[in-house]
Amino acid sequence: QPLHLAEIRAPSDPRTDPRTMTNTVVLKVAMMCTGCSGAVERVLGKMEGLQSFDVNLETQKVTVVGTVTMEEVVVAIAKTGKAVEPWSD
């Protein structure tokens, strides 16, 4: 039985597929002490798809690089109870 066009799916393009695209997510996270930043580092360390992350306690800036969305990172950090918002320069 021949396949119909509707049944043929093109393989996902790794350059445009959000699951394989590398994103840089920059957030402002309310961290007051090394315990706060340590908690954020622990949840980020457990996330899949991260290539790197940087948690800066002094500026309260968290930068994450990987095949993750901003929403996924926000949800993970919110588990620490810290207030999270997109970074604005």
PDB file of N, CA and C in Angstrom:
ATOM      1  N   GLN A   1       0.860  -1.193   0.000  1.00  0.00           N
ATOM      2  CA  GLN A   1       0.000   0.000   0.000  1.00  0.00           C
ATOM      3  C   GLN A   1       0.898   1.246   0.000  1.00  0.00           C
ATOM      4  N   PRO A   2       0.739   2.133  -0.969  1.00  0.00           N
ATOM      5  CA  PRO A   2       1.571   3.335  -1.030  1.00  0.00           C
ATOM      6  C   PRO A   2       1.211   4.326   0.085  1.00  0.00           C
ATOM      7  N   LEU A   3       2.207   5.066   0.504  1.00  0.00           N
ATOM      8  CA  LEU A   3       1.983   6.094   1.527  1.00  0.00           C
ATOM      9  C   LEU A   3       1.358   7.327   0.890  1.00  0.00           C
ATOM     10  N   HIS A   4       0.470   7.943   1.599  1.00  0.00           N
ATOM     11  CA  HIS A   4      -0.093   9.213   1.156  1.00  0.00           C
ATOM     12  C   HIS A   4       0.817  10.334   1.627  1.00  0.00           C
ATOM     13  N   LEU A   5       0.811  11.451   0.922  1.00  0.00           N
ATOM     14  CA  LEU A   5       1.677  12.572   1.302  1.00  0.00           C
ATOM     15  C   LEU A   5       1.473  13.005   2.735  1.00  0.00           C
ATOM     16  N   ALA A   6       0.248  12.955   3.204  1.00  0.00           N
ATOM     17  CA  ALA A   6      -0.035  13.392   4.573  1.00  0.00           C
ATOM     18  C   ALA A   6       0.651  12.498   5.599  1.00  0.00           C
ATOM     19  N   GLU A   7       0.990  11.275   5.207  1.00  0.00           N
ATOM     20  CA  GLU A   7       1.606  10.349   6.145  1.00  0.00           C
ATOM     21  C   GLU A   7       3.126  10.446   6.158  1.00  0.00           C
ATOM     22  N   ILE A   8       3.673  11.137   5.160  1.00  0.00           N
ATOM     23  CA  ILE A   8       5.127  11.277   5.081  1.00  0.00           C
ATOM     24  C   ILE A   8       5.523  12.540   5.840  1.00  0.00           C
ATOM     25  N   ARG A   9       6.398  12.381   6.792  1.00  0.00           N
ATOM     26  CA  ARG A   9       6.831  13.527   7.591  1.00  0.00           C
ATOM     27  C   ARG A   9       8.314  13.774   7.338  1.00  0.00           C
ATOM     28  N   ALA A  10       8.636  14.994   7.093  1.00  0.00           N
ATOM     29  CA  ALA A  10      10.045  15.341   6.910  1.00  0.00           C
ATOM     30  C   ALA A  10      10.749  15.233   8.254  1.00  0.00           C
ATOM     31  N   PRO A  11      11.980  14.773   8.253  1.00  0.00           N
ATOM     32  CA  PRO A  11      12.705  14.741   9.530  1.00  0.00           C
ATOM     33  C   PRO A  11      12.856  16.165  10.061  1.00  0.00           C
ATOM     34  N   SER A  12      12.843  16.305  11.362  1.00  0.00           N
ATOM     35  CA  SER A  12      12.947  17.652  11.921  1.00  0.00           C
ATOM     36  C   SER A  12      14.327  18.224  11.621  1.00  0.00           C
ATOM     37  N   ASP A  13      14.352  19.493  11.317  1.00  0.00           N
ATOM     38  CA  ASP A  13      15.590  20.188  11.012  1.00  0.00           C
ATOM     39  C   ASP A  13      16.239  20.624  12.320  1.00  0.00           C
ATOM     40  N   PRO A  14      17.443  20.111  12.624  1.00  0.00           N
ATOM     41  CA  PRO A  14      18.064  20.467  13.917  1.00  0.00           C
ATOM     42  C   PRO A  14      18.330  21.959  14.079  1.00  0.00           C
ATOM     43  N   ARG A  15      18.373  22.704  12.959  1.00  0.00           N
ATOM     44  CA  ARG A  15      18.621  24.146  13.069  1.00  0.00           C
ATOM     45  C   ARG A  15      17.380  24.915  13.477  1.00  0.00           C
ATOM     46  N   THR A  16      16.194  24.340  13.251  1.00  0.00           N
ATOM     47  CA  THR A  16      14.968  25.051  13.578  1.00  0.00           C
ATOM     48  C   THR A  16      14.104  24.321  14.593  1.00  0.00           C
ATOM     49  N   ASP A  17      14.460  23.098  14.933  1.00  0.00           N
ATOM     50  CA  ASP A  17      13.707  22.323  15.919  1.00  0.00           C
ATOM     51  C   ASP A  17      14.042  22.850  17.309  1.00  0.00           C
ATOM     52  N   PRO A  18      13.041  23.354  18.059  1.00  0.00           N
ATOM     53  CA  PRO A  18      13.336  23.939  19.380  1.00  0.00           C
ATOM     54  C   PRO A  18      13.968  22.948  20.351  1.00  0.00           C
ATOM     55  N   ARG A  19      13.818  21.650  20.102  1.00  0.00           N
ATOM     56  CA  ARG A  19      14.411  20.660  21.012  1.00  0.00           C
ATOM     57  C   ARG A  19      15.900  20.486  20.774  1.00  0.00           C
ATOM     58  N   THR A  20      16.420  20.960  19.635  1.00  0.00           N
ATOM     59  CA  THR A  20      17.840  20.802  19.348  1.00  0.00           C
ATOM     60  C   THR A  20      18.558  22.129  19.139  1.00  0.00           C
ATOM     61  N   MET A  21      17.810  23.233  19.105  1.00  0.00           N
ATOM     62  CA  MET A  21      18.450  24.537  18.953  1.00  0.00           C
ATOM     63  C   MET A  21      19.093  24.962  20.269  1.00  0.00           C
ATOM     64  N   THR A  22      20.273  25.557  20.165  1.00  0.00           N
ATOM     65  CA  THR A  22      20.936  26.067  21.361  1.00  0.00           C
ATOM     66  C   THR A  22      20.430  27.472  21.630  1.00  0.00           C
ATOM     67  N   ASN A  23      19.965  27.692  22.841  1.00  0.00           N
ATOM     68  CA  ASN A  23      19.445  28.993  23.255  1.00  0.00           C
ATOM     69  C   ASN A  23      20.288  29.530  24.397  1.00  0.00           C
ATOM     70  N   THR A  24      20.311  30.840  24.516  1.00  0.00           N
ATOM     71  CA  THR A  24      20.901  31.486  25.683  1.00  0.00           C
ATOM     72  C   THR A  24      19.757  32.168  26.420  1.00  0.00           C
ATOM     73  N   VAL A  25      19.559  31.771  27.661  1.00  0.00           N
ATOM     74  CA  VAL A  25      18.487  32.319  28.495  1.00  0.00           C
ATOM     75  C   VAL A  25      19.141  33.152  29.592  1.00  0.00           C
ATOM     76  N   VAL A  26      18.725  34.417  29.719  1.00  0.00           N
ATOM     77  CA  VAL A  26      19.285  35.301  30.742  1.00  0.00           C
ATOM     78  C   VAL A  26      18.139  35.772  31.633  1.00  0.00           C
ATOM     79  N   LEU A  27      18.293  35.534  32.931  1.00  0.00           N
ATOM     80  CA  LEU A  27      17.235  35.843  33.887  1.00  0.00           C
ATOM     81  C   LEU A  27      17.770  36.630  35.073  1.00  0.00           C
ATOM     82  N   LYS A  28      16.875  37.383  35.706  1.00  0.00           N
ATOM     83  CA  LYS A  28      17.187  38.022  36.984  1.00  0.00           C
ATOM     84  C   LYS A  28      16.525  37.176  38.058  1.00  0.00           C
ATOM     85  N   VAL A  29      17.323  36.724  39.011  1.00  0.00           N
ATOM     86  CA  VAL A  29      16.824  35.856  40.079  1.00  0.00           C
ATOM     87  C   VAL A  29      17.149  36.505  41.413  1.00  0.00           C
ATOM     88  N   ALA A  30      16.148  36.645  42.269  1.00  0.00           N
ATOM     89  CA  ALA A  30      16.331  37.266  43.584  1.00  0.00           C
ATOM     90  C   ALA A  30      17.138  36.331  44.477  1.00  0.00           C
ATOM     91  N   MET A  31      18.444  36.608  44.584  1.00  0.00           N
ATOM     92  CA  MET A  31      19.343  35.808  45.422  1.00  0.00           C
ATOM     93  C   MET A  31      20.032  36.747  46.404  1.00  0.00           C
ATOM     94  N   MET A  32      19.971  36.414  47.681  1.00  0.00           N
ATOM     95  CA  MET A  32      20.534  37.299  48.710  1.00  0.00           C
ATOM     96  C   MET A  32      21.828  36.770  49.329  1.00  0.00           C
ATOM     97  N   CYS A  33      22.087  35.465  49.161  1.00  0.00           N
ATOM     98  CA  CYS A  33      23.248  34.882  49.833  1.00  0.00           C
ATOM     99  C   CYS A  33      23.774  33.701  49.025  1.00  0.00           C
ATOM    100  N   THR A  34      24.897  33.149  49.456  1.00  0.00           N
ATOM    101  CA  THR A  34      25.474  32.013  48.736  1.00  0.00           C
ATOM    102  C   THR A  34      24.583  30.776  48.827  1.00  0.00           C
ATOM    103  N   GLY A  35      23.756  30.701  49.857  1.00  0.00           N
ATOM    104  CA  GLY A  35      22.799  29.598  49.952  1.00  0.00           C
ATOM    105  C   GLY A  35      21.769  29.694  48.833  1.00  0.00           C
ATOM    106  N   CYS A  36      21.336  30.926  48.541  1.00  0.00           N
ATOM    107  CA  CYS A  36      20.370  31.154  47.443  1.00  0.00           C
ATOM    108  C   CYS A  36      20.983  30.768  46.106  1.00  0.00           C
ATOM    109  N   SER A  37      22.180  31.278  45.836  1.00  0.00           N
ATOM    110  CA  SER A  37      22.815  30.987  44.550  1.00  0.00           C
ATOM    111  C   SER A  37      23.152  29.504  44.447  1.00  0.00           C
ATOM    112  N   GLY A  38      23.505  28.884  45.557  1.00  0.00           N
ATOM    113  CA  GLY A  38      23.792  27.451  45.558  1.00  0.00           C
ATOM    114  C   GLY A  38      22.562  26.629  45.212  1.00  0.00           C
ATOM    115  N   ALA A  39      21.409  27.053  45.711  1.00  0.00           N
ATOM    116  CA  ALA A  39      20.154  26.344  45.407  1.00  0.00           C
ATOM    117  C   ALA A  39      19.843  26.445  43.914  1.00  0.00           C
ATOM    118  N   VAL A  40      20.058  27.629  43.337  1.00  0.00           N
ATOM    119  CA  VAL A  40      19.822  27.822  41.902  1.00  0.00           C
ATOM    120  C   VAL A  40      20.799  26.952  41.105  1.00  0.00           C
ATOM    121  N   GLU A  41      22.070  26.926  41.514  1.00  0.00           N
ATOM    122  CA  GLU A  41      23.066  26.100  40.825  1.00  0.00           C
ATOM    123  C   GLU A  41      22.687  24.620  40.890  1.00  0.00           C
ATOM    124  N   ARG A  42      22.163  24.175  42.020  1.00  0.00           N
ATOM    125  CA  ARG A  42      21.778  22.755  42.156  1.00  0.00           C
ATOM    126  C   ARG A  42      20.657  22.379  41.201  1.00  0.00           C
ATOM    127  N   VAL A  43      19.597  23.219  41.097  1.00  0.00           N
ATOM    128  CA  VAL A  43      18.497  22.858  40.186  1.00  0.00           C
ATOM    129  C   VAL A  43      18.943  22.934  38.728  1.00  0.00           C
ATOM    130  N   LEU A  44      19.802  23.899  38.405  1.00  0.00           N
ATOM    131  CA  LEU A  44      20.297  23.987  37.032  1.00  0.00           C
ATOM    132  C   LEU A  44      21.181  22.789  36.704  1.00  0.00           C
ATOM    133  N   GLY A  45      21.960  22.344  37.668  1.00  0.00           N
ATOM    134  CA  GLY A  45      22.842  21.202  37.464  1.00  0.00           C
ATOM    135  C   GLY A  45      22.094  19.912  37.174  1.00  0.00           C
ATOM    136  N   LYS A  46      20.834  19.855  37.570  1.00  0.00           N
ATOM    137  CA  LYS A  46      20.016  18.661  37.332  1.00  0.00           C
ATOM    138  C   LYS A  46      19.253  18.711  36.018  1.00  0.00           C
ATOM    139  N   MET A  47      19.242  19.881  35.364  1.00  0.00           N
ATOM    140  CA  MET A  47      18.491  20.027  34.108  1.00  0.00           C
ATOM    141  C   MET A  47      19.201  19.317  32.963  1.00  0.00           C
ATOM    142  N   GLU A  48      18.405  18.686  32.098  1.00  0.00           N
ATOM    143  CA  GLU A  48      18.959  18.083  30.890  1.00  0.00           C
ATOM    144  C   GLU A  48      19.025  19.125  29.790  1.00  0.00           C
ATOM    145  N   GLY A  49      19.993  18.985  28.916  1.00  0.00           N
ATOM    146  CA  GLY A  49      20.101  19.867  27.768  1.00  0.00           C
ATOM    147  C   GLY A  49      20.932  21.119  27.992  1.00  0.00           C
ATOM    148  N   LEU A  50      21.507  21.261  29.200  1.00  0.00           N
ATOM    149  CA  LEU A  50      22.327  22.446  29.456  1.00  0.00           C
ATOM    150  C   LEU A  50      23.755  22.208  29.001  1.00  0.00           C
ATOM    151  N   GLN A  51      24.318  23.188  28.311  1.00  0.00           N
ATOM    152  CA  GLN A  51      25.733  23.137  27.959  1.00  0.00           C
ATOM    153  C   GLN A  51      26.548  23.852  29.020  1.00  0.00           C
ATOM    154  N   SER A  52      25.998  24.953  29.531  1.00  0.00           N
ATOM    155  CA  SER A  52      26.686  25.706  30.579  1.00  0.00           C
ATOM    156  C   SER A  52      25.691  26.622  31.278  1.00  0.00           C
ATOM    157  N   PHE A  53      26.090  27.069  32.465  1.00  0.00           N
ATOM    158  CA  PHE A  53      25.305  28.093  33.154  1.00  0.00           C
ATOM    159  C   PHE A  53      26.215  28.902  34.046  1.00  0.00           C
ATOM    160  N   ASP A  54      25.803  30.141  34.308  1.00  0.00           N
ATOM    161  CA  ASP A  54      26.558  31.033  35.179  1.00  0.00           C
ATOM    162  C   ASP A  54      25.572  31.701  36.128  1.00  0.00           C
ATOM    163  N   VAL A  55      25.847  31.617  37.410  1.00  0.00           N
ATOM    164  CA  VAL A  55      25.002  32.236  38.427  1.00  0.00           C
ATOM    165  C   VAL A  55      25.839  33.319  39.103  1.00  0.00           C
ATOM    166  N   ASN A  56      25.437  34.578  38.932  1.00  0.00           N
ATOM    167  CA  ASN A  56      26.177  35.694  39.510  1.00  0.00           C
ATOM    168  C   ASN A  56      25.352  36.271  40.660  1.00  0.00           C
ATOM    169  N   LEU A  57      25.785  35.998  41.880  1.00  0.00           N
ATOM    170  CA  LEU A  57      25.073  36.451  43.077  1.00  0.00           C
ATOM    171  C   LEU A  57      25.057  37.979  43.168  1.00  0.00           C
ATOM    172  N   GLU A  58      26.188  38.611  42.846  1.00  0.00           N
ATOM    173  CA  GLU A  58      26.305  40.065  42.991  1.00  0.00           C
ATOM    174  C   GLU A  58      25.318  40.818  42.097  1.00  0.00           C
ATOM    175  N   THR A  59      25.190  40.389  40.831  1.00  0.00           N
ATOM    176  CA  THR A  59      24.286  41.081  39.905  1.00  0.00           C
ATOM    177  C   THR A  59      22.902  40.429  39.857  1.00  0.00           C
ATOM    178  N   GLN A  60      22.755  39.259  40.495  1.00  0.00           N
ATOM    179  CA  GLN A  60      21.516  38.466  40.493  1.00  0.00           C
ATOM    180  C   GLN A  60      21.153  38.035  39.066  1.00  0.00           C
ATOM    181  N   LYS A  61      22.190  37.815  38.264  1.00  0.00           N
ATOM    182  CA  LYS A  61      22.010  37.436  36.858  1.00  0.00           C
ATOM    183  C   LYS A  61      22.343  35.958  36.680  1.00  0.00           C
ATOM    184  N   VAL A  62      21.425  35.242  36.019  1.00  0.00           N
ATOM    185  CA  VAL A  62      21.626  33.821  35.723  1.00  0.00           C
ATOM    186  C   VAL A  62      21.596  33.661  34.208  1.00  0.00           C
ATOM    187  N   THR A  63      22.679  33.115  33.660  1.00  0.00           N
ATOM    188  CA  THR A  63      22.782  32.887  32.222  1.00  0.00           C
ATOM    189  C   THR A  63      22.888  31.397  31.978  1.00  0.00           C
ATOM    190  N   VAL A  64      22.023  30.879  31.114  1.00  0.00           N
ATOM    191  CA  VAL A  64      21.976  29.450  30.820  1.00  0.00           C
ATOM    192  C   VAL A  64      22.109  29.269  29.308  1.00  0.00           C
ATOM    193  N   VAL A  65      22.959  28.330  28.889  1.00  0.00           N
ATOM    194  CA  VAL A  65      23.122  28.011  27.471  1.00  0.00           C
ATOM    195  C   VAL A  65      22.819  26.537  27.286  1.00  0.00           C
ATOM    196  N   GLY A  66      21.944  26.235  26.329  1.00  0.00           N
ATOM    197  CA  GLY A  66      21.630  24.838  26.050  1.00  0.00           C
ATOM    198  C   GLY A  66      20.376  24.713  25.216  1.00  0.00           C
ATOM    199  N   THR A  67      19.942  23.484  25.064  1.00  0.00           N
ATOM    200  CA  THR A  67      18.738  23.207  24.266  1.00  0.00           C
ATOM    201  C   THR A  67      17.523  23.219  25.184  1.00  0.00           C
ATOM    202  N   VAL A  68      17.354  24.342  25.870  1.00  0.00           N
ATOM    203  CA  VAL A  68      16.238  24.520  26.806  1.00  0.00           C
ATOM    204  C   VAL A  68      15.525  25.820  26.463  1.00  0.00           C
ATOM    205  N   THR A  69      14.279  25.917  26.885  1.00  0.00           N
ATOM    206  CA  THR A  69      13.527  27.149  26.672  1.00  0.00           C
ATOM    207  C   THR A  69      13.597  28.004  27.925  1.00  0.00           C
ATOM    208  N   MET A  70      13.265  29.275  27.765  1.00  0.00           N
ATOM    209  CA  MET A  70      13.214  30.158  28.927  1.00  0.00           C
ATOM    210  C   MET A  70      12.211  29.618  29.941  1.00  0.00           C
ATOM    211  N   GLU A  71      11.074  29.138  29.454  1.00  0.00           N
ATOM    212  CA  GLU A  71      10.039  28.619  30.351  1.00  0.00           C
ATOM    213  C   GLU A  71      10.563  27.457  31.203  1.00  0.00           C
ATOM    214  N   GLU A  72      11.313  26.548  30.592  1.00  0.00           N
ATOM    215  CA  GLU A  72      11.857  25.405  31.336  1.00  0.00           C
ATOM    216  C   GLU A  72      12.815  25.860  32.435  1.00  0.00           C
ATOM    217  N   VAL A  73      13.641  26.856  32.118  1.00  0.00           N
ATOM    218  CA  VAL A  73      14.600  27.360  33.100  1.00  0.00           C
ATOM    219  C   VAL A  73      13.870  28.083  34.232  1.00  0.00           C
ATOM    220  N   VAL A  74      12.870  28.898  33.878  1.00  0.00           N
ATOM    221  CA  VAL A  74      12.093  29.624  34.894  1.00  0.00           C
ATOM    222  C   VAL A  74      11.397  28.641  35.837  1.00  0.00           C
ATOM    223  N   VAL A  75      10.790  27.598  35.279  1.00  0.00           N
ATOM    224  CA  VAL A  75      10.101  26.598  36.103  1.00  0.00           C
ATOM    225  C   VAL A  75      11.087  25.923  37.058  1.00  0.00           C
ATOM    226  N   ALA A  76      12.266  25.573  36.554  1.00  0.00           N
ATOM    227  CA  ALA A  76      13.269  24.909  37.396  1.00  0.00           C
ATOM    228  C   ALA A  76      13.715  25.824  38.537  1.00  0.00           C
ATOM    229  N   ILE A  77      14.022  27.083  38.210  1.00  0.00           N
ATOM    230  CA  ILE A  77      14.501  28.009  39.247  1.00  0.00           C
ATOM    231  C   ILE A  77      13.382  28.344  40.225  1.00  0.00           C
ATOM    232  N   ALA A  78      12.151  28.425  39.750  1.00  0.00           N
ATOM    233  CA  ALA A  78      11.017  28.736  40.630  1.00  0.00           C
ATOM    234  C   ALA A  78      10.861  27.676  41.722  1.00  0.00           C
ATOM    235  N   LYS A  79      11.323  26.456  41.457  1.00  0.00           N
ATOM    236  CA  LYS A  79      11.253  25.392  42.472  1.00  0.00           C
ATOM    237  C   LYS A  79      12.076  25.734  43.716  1.00  0.00           C
ATOM    238  N   THR A  80      13.027  26.653  43.580  1.00  0.00           N
ATOM    239  CA  THR A  80      13.834  27.068  44.733  1.00  0.00           C
ATOM    240  C   THR A  80      13.097  28.097  45.584  1.00  0.00           C
ATOM    241  N   GLY A  81      11.975  28.615  45.065  1.00  0.00           N
ATOM    242  CA  GLY A  81      11.235  29.636  45.796  1.00  0.00           C
ATOM    243  C   GLY A  81      11.733  31.051  45.520  1.00  0.00           C
ATOM    244  N   LYS A  82      12.710  31.181  44.615  1.00  0.00           N
ATOM    245  CA  LYS A  82      13.257  32.501  44.296  1.00  0.00           C
ATOM    246  C   LYS A  82      12.399  33.175  43.211  1.00  0.00           C
ATOM    247  N   ALA A  83      12.287  34.491  43.297  1.00  0.00           N
ATOM    248  CA  ALA A  83      11.570  35.249  42.274  1.00  0.00           C
ATOM    249  C   ALA A  83      12.448  35.285  41.016  1.00  0.00           C
ATOM    250  N   VAL A  84      11.822  35.028  39.873  1.00  0.00           N
ATOM    251  CA  VAL A  84      12.543  34.953  38.596  1.00  0.00           C
ATOM    252  C   VAL A  84      11.851  35.850  37.579  1.00  0.00           C
ATOM    253  N   GLU A  85      12.630  36.586  36.806  1.00  0.00           N
ATOM    254  CA  GLU A  85      12.068  37.397  35.725  1.00  0.00           C
ATOM    255  C   GLU A  85      13.086  37.492  34.611  1.00  0.00           C
ATOM    256  N   PRO A  86      12.644  37.791  33.383  1.00  0.00           N
ATOM    257  CA  PRO A  86      13.607  37.959  32.292  1.00  0.00           C
ATOM    258  C   PRO A  86      14.564  39.107  32.593  1.00  0.00           C
ATOM    259  N   TRP A  87      15.797  38.965  32.176  1.00  0.00           N
ATOM    260  CA  TRP A  87      16.815  40.002  32.387  1.00  0.00           C
ATOM    261  C   TRP A  87      16.539  41.158  31.445  1.00  0.00           C
ATOM    262  N   SER A  88      16.654  42.386  31.941  1.00  0.00           N
ATOM    263  CA  SER A  88      16.533  43.560  31.072  1.00  0.00           C
ATOM    264  C   SER A  88      17.735  44.456  31.321  1.00  0.00           C
ATOM    265  N   ASP A  89      18.388  44.859  30.224  1.00  0.00           N
ATOM    266  CA  ASP A  89      19.578  45.702  30.364  1.00  0.00           C
ATOM    267  C   ASP A  89      19.230  47.137  30.650  1.00  0.00           C
TER     268      ASP A  89
END
